Amino acid sequence: MFQSGPMGLLGSLGIVSKVVLFLLLLLSVLSWAVILLKWNMFRSADAEDHRFMAVLSKAKDVDEVARRAYRSAGSPCAKIFHGVVDRVGMGQSVQDGGGAAAVDRHVVERTAQHLAQGQLSQLEAYLLFLATTGNISPFVGLLGTVMGIIDSFREIGSQGTASIAAVAPGVSEALVATAAGLFTAIPAVMAYNYFLSRIRRTAFRMDTVTVELLALLSHKSNPGSVGAKG
């Protein structure tokens, strides 16, 4: 018998539809937890990045930026900068007078690229879950709908009538699973695409860090070039 109201509708569902709805509810709760976690992570990382990039754009000395980078622990761009400085050892090379000649440009770029991949991998954590949830939730909901319609037609056959009053309640109950699948999938897909755009912007800033670092090295390696001409 068809029952009105959310609780009545839920109580009239078959066991398969209830299992499907429970699975979709679990996926929805987990996906929203991931969305909130990633949103907070990107907000913090972007704020730190913007502060560090402001310092980097105005700096004229590698050591000055490196000190700032060590204090910007939450900035992926700052981690790239001081990671390159530490691994390549360019600070010591510049102090010894080697400058850009002592630090190969390609080594700096490869090191920065390697570190950037590690930072991007951290930012991409759990995004696969959002993509998977967005892809499978409509199909899980469709499965619940198909099973619900099968049960509905089986009930029609047992009652021996195919009137609208007999068919409509079962079909409406079955379609609940499809609606639940869409409600689960849509926020997950939207969040996944949004976070991907944030990652692309972060990757662009990381490339900018490498360019600015090489420019600082070039500037520091020829500190007396202008005075030598006089």
Protein backbone atom coordinates (compact mmCIF):
# COMPACT_ATOMS: atom_id res chain seq x y z
CA MET A 1 0.00 0.00 0.00
CA PHE A 2 1.31 3.47 -0.93
CA GLN A 3 2.08 5.72 2.03
CA SER A 4 2.53 9.49 1.86
CA GLY A 5 5.32 11.42 3.53
CA PRO A 6 9.07 10.77 3.55
CA MET A 7 9.01 8.20 6.36
CA GLY A 8 6.02 6.43 4.90
CA LEU A 9 7.67 6.32 1.48
CA LEU A 10 10.88 4.98 2.97
CA GLY A 11 9.00 2.33 4.91
CA SER A 12 7.21 1.12 1.77
CA LEU A 13 10.45 0.55 -0.16
CA GLY A 14 11.79 -2.92 -0.78
CA ILE A 15 14.95 -4.27 0.81
CA VAL A 16 17.05 -3.67 -2.33
CA SER A 17 15.92 -0.04 -2.61
CA LYS A 18 16.69 0.51 1.07
CA VAL A 19 20.20 -0.92 0.66
CA VAL A 20 20.77 1.31 -2.38
CA LEU A 21 19.56 4.40 -0.52
CA PHE A 22 21.79 3.58 2.44
CA LEU A 23 24.80 3.21 0.14
CA LEU A 24 24.02 6.52 -1.58
CA LEU A 25 23.59 8.23 1.79
CA LEU A 26 26.99 6.92 2.88
CA LEU A 27 28.61 8.13 -0.34
CA SER A 28 26.96 11.53 0.02
CA VAL A 29 28.15 12.00 3.61
CA LEU A 30 31.71 10.95 2.74
CA SER A 31 31.82 13.15 -0.36
CA TRP A 32 30.64 16.19 1.59
CA ALA A 33 33.29 15.49 4.23
CA VAL A 34 35.93 15.41 1.48
CA ILE A 35 34.54 18.60 -0.08
CA LEU A 36 34.74 20.51 3.20
CA LEU A 37 38.22 19.13 3.96
CA LYS A 38 39.60 20.06 0.54
CA TRP A 39 37.93 23.46 0.52
CA ASN A 40 39.57 24.34 3.84
CA MET A 41 42.92 22.98 2.60
CA PHE A 42 42.83 25.02 -0.62
CA ARG A 43 41.70 28.17 1.18
CA SER A 44 44.63 27.96 3.59
CA ALA A 45 47.16 27.05 0.88
CA ASP A 46 46.02 29.84 -1.44
CA ALA A 47 46.24 32.46 1.32
CA GLU A 48 49.79 31.36 2.20
CA ASP A 49 50.76 31.23 -1.47
CA HIS A 50 49.56 34.76 -2.14
CA ARG A 51 51.54 36.11 0.80
CA PHE A 52 54.68 34.26 -0.27
CA MET A 53 54.34 35.29 -3.92
CA ALA A 54 54.02 38.94 -2.85
CA VAL A 55 57.36 38.63 -1.05
CA LEU A 56 58.95 36.77 -3.96
CA SER A 57 57.88 39.34 -6.55
CA LYS A 58 59.57 42.16 -4.61
CA ALA A 59 62.66 40.30 -3.37
CA LYS A 60 66.17 40.87 -4.71
CA ASP A 61 67.98 38.24 -2.67
CA VAL A 62 67.62 34.45 -2.51
CA ASP A 63 68.41 34.29 1.19
CA GLU A 64 65.70 36.83 1.99
CA VAL A 65 63.04 34.78 0.21
CA ALA A 66 64.37 31.53 1.68
CA ARG A 67 63.88 32.87 5.22
CA ARG A 68 60.32 33.82 4.34
CA ALA A 69 59.75 30.40 2.74
CA TYR A 70 60.73 28.58 5.91
CA ARG A 71 58.12 30.58 7.83
CA SER A 72 55.38 29.86 5.23
CA ALA A 73 54.92 26.21 6.13
CA GLY A 74 51.43 26.03 4.61
CA SER A 75 52.38 27.42 1.20
CA PRO A 76 53.05 24.88 -1.57
CA CYS A 77 55.00 27.53 -3.50
CA ALA A 78 57.17 28.28 -0.47
CA LYS A 79 57.88 24.57 -0.09
CA ILE A 80 59.03 24.46 -3.72
CA PHE A 81 61.35 27.41 -3.19
CA HIS A 82 63.11 26.30 -0.03
CA GLY A 83 63.08 22.69 -1.24
CA VAL A 84 65.09 23.68 -4.32
CA VAL A 85 67.43 25.85 -2.24
CA ASP A 86 68.07 23.00 0.20
CA ARG A 87 68.48 20.20 -2.34
CA VAL A 88 70.54 22.04 -4.91
CA GLY A 89 72.56 23.94 -2.31
CA MET A 90 72.45 27.12 -4.35
CA GLY A 91 72.69 29.38 -1.32
CA GLN A 92 76.18 28.11 -0.56
CA SER A 93 77.13 28.15 -4.25
CA VAL A 94 76.20 31.79 -4.60
CA GLN A 95 78.06 32.71 -1.44
CA ASP A 96 81.17 30.98 -2.80
CA GLY A 97 81.02 33.16 -5.91
CA GLY A 98 79.87 30.41 -8.28
CA GLY A 99 76.47 31.94 -8.89
CA ALA A 100 74.49 30.59 -11.81
CA ALA A 101 77.56 28.85 -13.17
CA ALA A 102 77.73 26.65 -10.05
CA VAL A 103 74.03 25.84 -10.15
CA ASP A 104 72.87 24.35 -13.43
CA ARG A 105 69.60 25.83 -14.70
CA HIS A 106 68.31 22.42 -15.77
CA VAL A 107 69.05 20.94 -12.36
CA VAL A 108 67.01 23.71 -10.73
CA GLU A 109 64.10 23.18 -13.12
CA ARG A 110 64.11 19.39 -12.70
CA THR A 111 64.30 19.68 -8.93
CA ALA A 112 61.45 22.20 -8.88
CA GLN A 113 59.37 19.98 -11.15
CA HIS A 114 59.94 16.97 -8.91
CA LEU A 115 58.95 18.90 -5.79
CA ALA A 116 55.93 20.38 -7.56
CA GLN A 117 54.67 16.92 -8.46
CA GLY A 118 54.83 15.96 -4.80
CA GLN A 119 52.90 19.05 -3.73
CA LEU A 120 50.28 18.57 -6.45
CA SER A 121 49.84 14.93 -5.43
CA GLN A 122 49.02 16.08 -1.91
CA LEU A 123 46.50 18.59 -3.23
CA GLU A 124 44.92 15.89 -5.40
CA ALA A 125 44.41 13.54 -2.43
CA TYR A 126 40.81 12.27 -2.14
CA LEU A 127 39.77 13.88 -5.43
CA LEU A 128 39.61 10.41 -6.95
CA PHE A 129 36.89 9.57 -4.43
CA LEU A 130 34.84 12.56 -5.58
CA ALA A 131 35.28 11.57 -9.22
CA THR A 132 34.29 7.97 -8.47
CA THR A 133 31.26 9.07 -6.46
CA GLY A 134 30.14 11.38 -9.25
CA ASN A 135 30.49 8.60 -11.82
CA ILE A 136 28.89 5.65 -10.04
CA SER A 137 26.13 7.28 -7.96
CA PRO A 138 23.67 7.71 -10.87
CA PHE A 139 24.18 4.06 -11.83
CA VAL A 140 23.69 2.89 -8.25
CA GLY A 141 20.48 4.92 -8.14
CA LEU A 142 19.41 3.47 -11.48
CA LEU A 143 20.01 -0.03 -10.12
CA GLY A 144 17.70 0.72 -7.22
CA THR A 145 15.08 2.06 -9.61
CA VAL A 146 15.24 -0.99 -11.87
CA MET A 147 14.94 -3.37 -8.92
CA GLY A 148 12.07 -1.32 -7.53
CA ILE A 149 10.20 -1.44 -10.85
CA ILE A 150 10.75 -5.20 -11.04
CA ASP A 151 9.21 -5.57 -7.59
CA SER A 152 6.37 -3.26 -8.62
CA PHE A 153 5.50 -5.33 -11.69
CA ARG A 154 5.76 -8.53 -9.67
CA GLU A 155 3.23 -7.07 -7.24
CA ILE A 156 0.98 -6.06 -10.15
CA GLY A 157 1.12 -9.61 -11.47
CA SER A 158 0.21 -11.07 -8.10
CA GLN A 159 -2.76 -8.70 -7.74
CA GLY A 160 -3.94 -9.25 -11.31
CA THR A 161 -4.52 -5.55 -12.08
CA ALA A 162 -2.56 -2.95 -14.07
CA SER A 163 -4.50 0.21 -13.25
CA ILE A 164 -2.77 3.55 -12.68
CA ALA A 165 -3.64 3.34 -9.00
CA ALA A 166 -1.74 0.05 -8.78
CA VAL A 167 1.26 1.00 -10.98
CA ALA A 168 1.97 4.62 -9.96
CA PRO A 169 2.90 4.06 -6.27
CA GLY A 170 5.47 1.38 -7.07
CA VAL A 171 7.04 3.40 -9.90
CA SER A 172 7.24 6.55 -7.77
CA GLU A 173 8.92 4.61 -4.97
CA ALA A 174 11.43 3.12 -7.43
CA LEU A 175 12.32 6.55 -8.84
CA VAL A 176 13.39 7.72 -5.38
CA ALA A 177 16.67 5.80 -5.87
CA THR A 178 17.40 7.63 -9.13
CA ALA A 179 16.77 11.00 -7.50
CA ALA A 180 19.03 10.06 -4.58
CA GLY A 181 21.78 9.02 -7.02
CA LEU A 182 21.62 12.39 -8.78
CA PHE A 183 21.60 14.32 -5.51
CA THR A 184 24.75 12.43 -4.51
CA ALA A 185 26.55 12.75 -7.85
CA ILE A 186 25.95 16.41 -8.74
CA PRO A 187 27.76 18.02 -5.76
CA ALA A 188 30.65 15.54 -6.10
CA VAL A 189 31.16 16.31 -9.80
CA MET A 190 30.90 20.07 -9.28
CA ALA A 191 33.39 19.98 -6.40
CA TYR A 192 35.80 17.77 -8.37
CA ASN A 193 35.87 20.18 -11.32
CA TYR A 194 36.22 23.17 -9.00
CA PHE A 195 39.17 21.67 -7.14
CA LEU A 196 40.85 20.76 -10.41
CA SER A 197 40.72 24.42 -11.45
CA ARG A 198 42.29 25.38 -8.11
CA ILE A 199 45.08 22.84 -8.67
CA ARG A 200 45.78 24.28 -12.13
CA ARG A 201 46.16 27.76 -10.63
CA THR A 202 48.49 26.39 -7.97
CA ALA A 203 50.57 24.64 -10.62
CA PHE A 204 50.88 27.93 -12.52
CA ARG A 205 52.11 29.68 -9.37
CA MET A 206 54.69 26.91 -8.88
CA ASP A 207 56.01 27.52 -12.39
CA THR A 208 56.24 31.20 -11.55
CA VAL A 209 58.33 30.36 -8.47
CA THR A 210 60.88 28.55 -10.66
CA VAL A 211 61.09 31.48 -13.07
CA GLU A 212 61.50 34.01 -10.26
CA LEU A 213 64.13 31.84 -8.54
CA LEU A 214 66.21 31.60 -11.71
CA ALA A 215 65.89 35.36 -12.16
CA LEU A 216 67.16 35.93 -8.60
CA LEU A 217 70.10 33.63 -9.23
CA SER A 218 70.94 35.41 -12.45
CA HIS A 219 70.78 38.77 -10.70
CA LYS A 220 72.93 37.62 -7.77
CA SER A 221 75.51 35.88 -9.94
CA ASN A 222 76.38 39.23 -11.64
CA PRO A 223 76.19 41.74 -8.79
CA GLY A 224 78.95 43.96 -10.12
CA SER A 225 78.14 43.82 -13.80
CA VAL A 226 76.92 47.40 -13.90
CA GLY A 227 79.78 48.78 -11.79
CA ALA A 228 82.42 46.96 -13.84
CA LYS A 229 81.49 48.96 -16.87
CA GLY A 230 82.52 52.19 -15.11
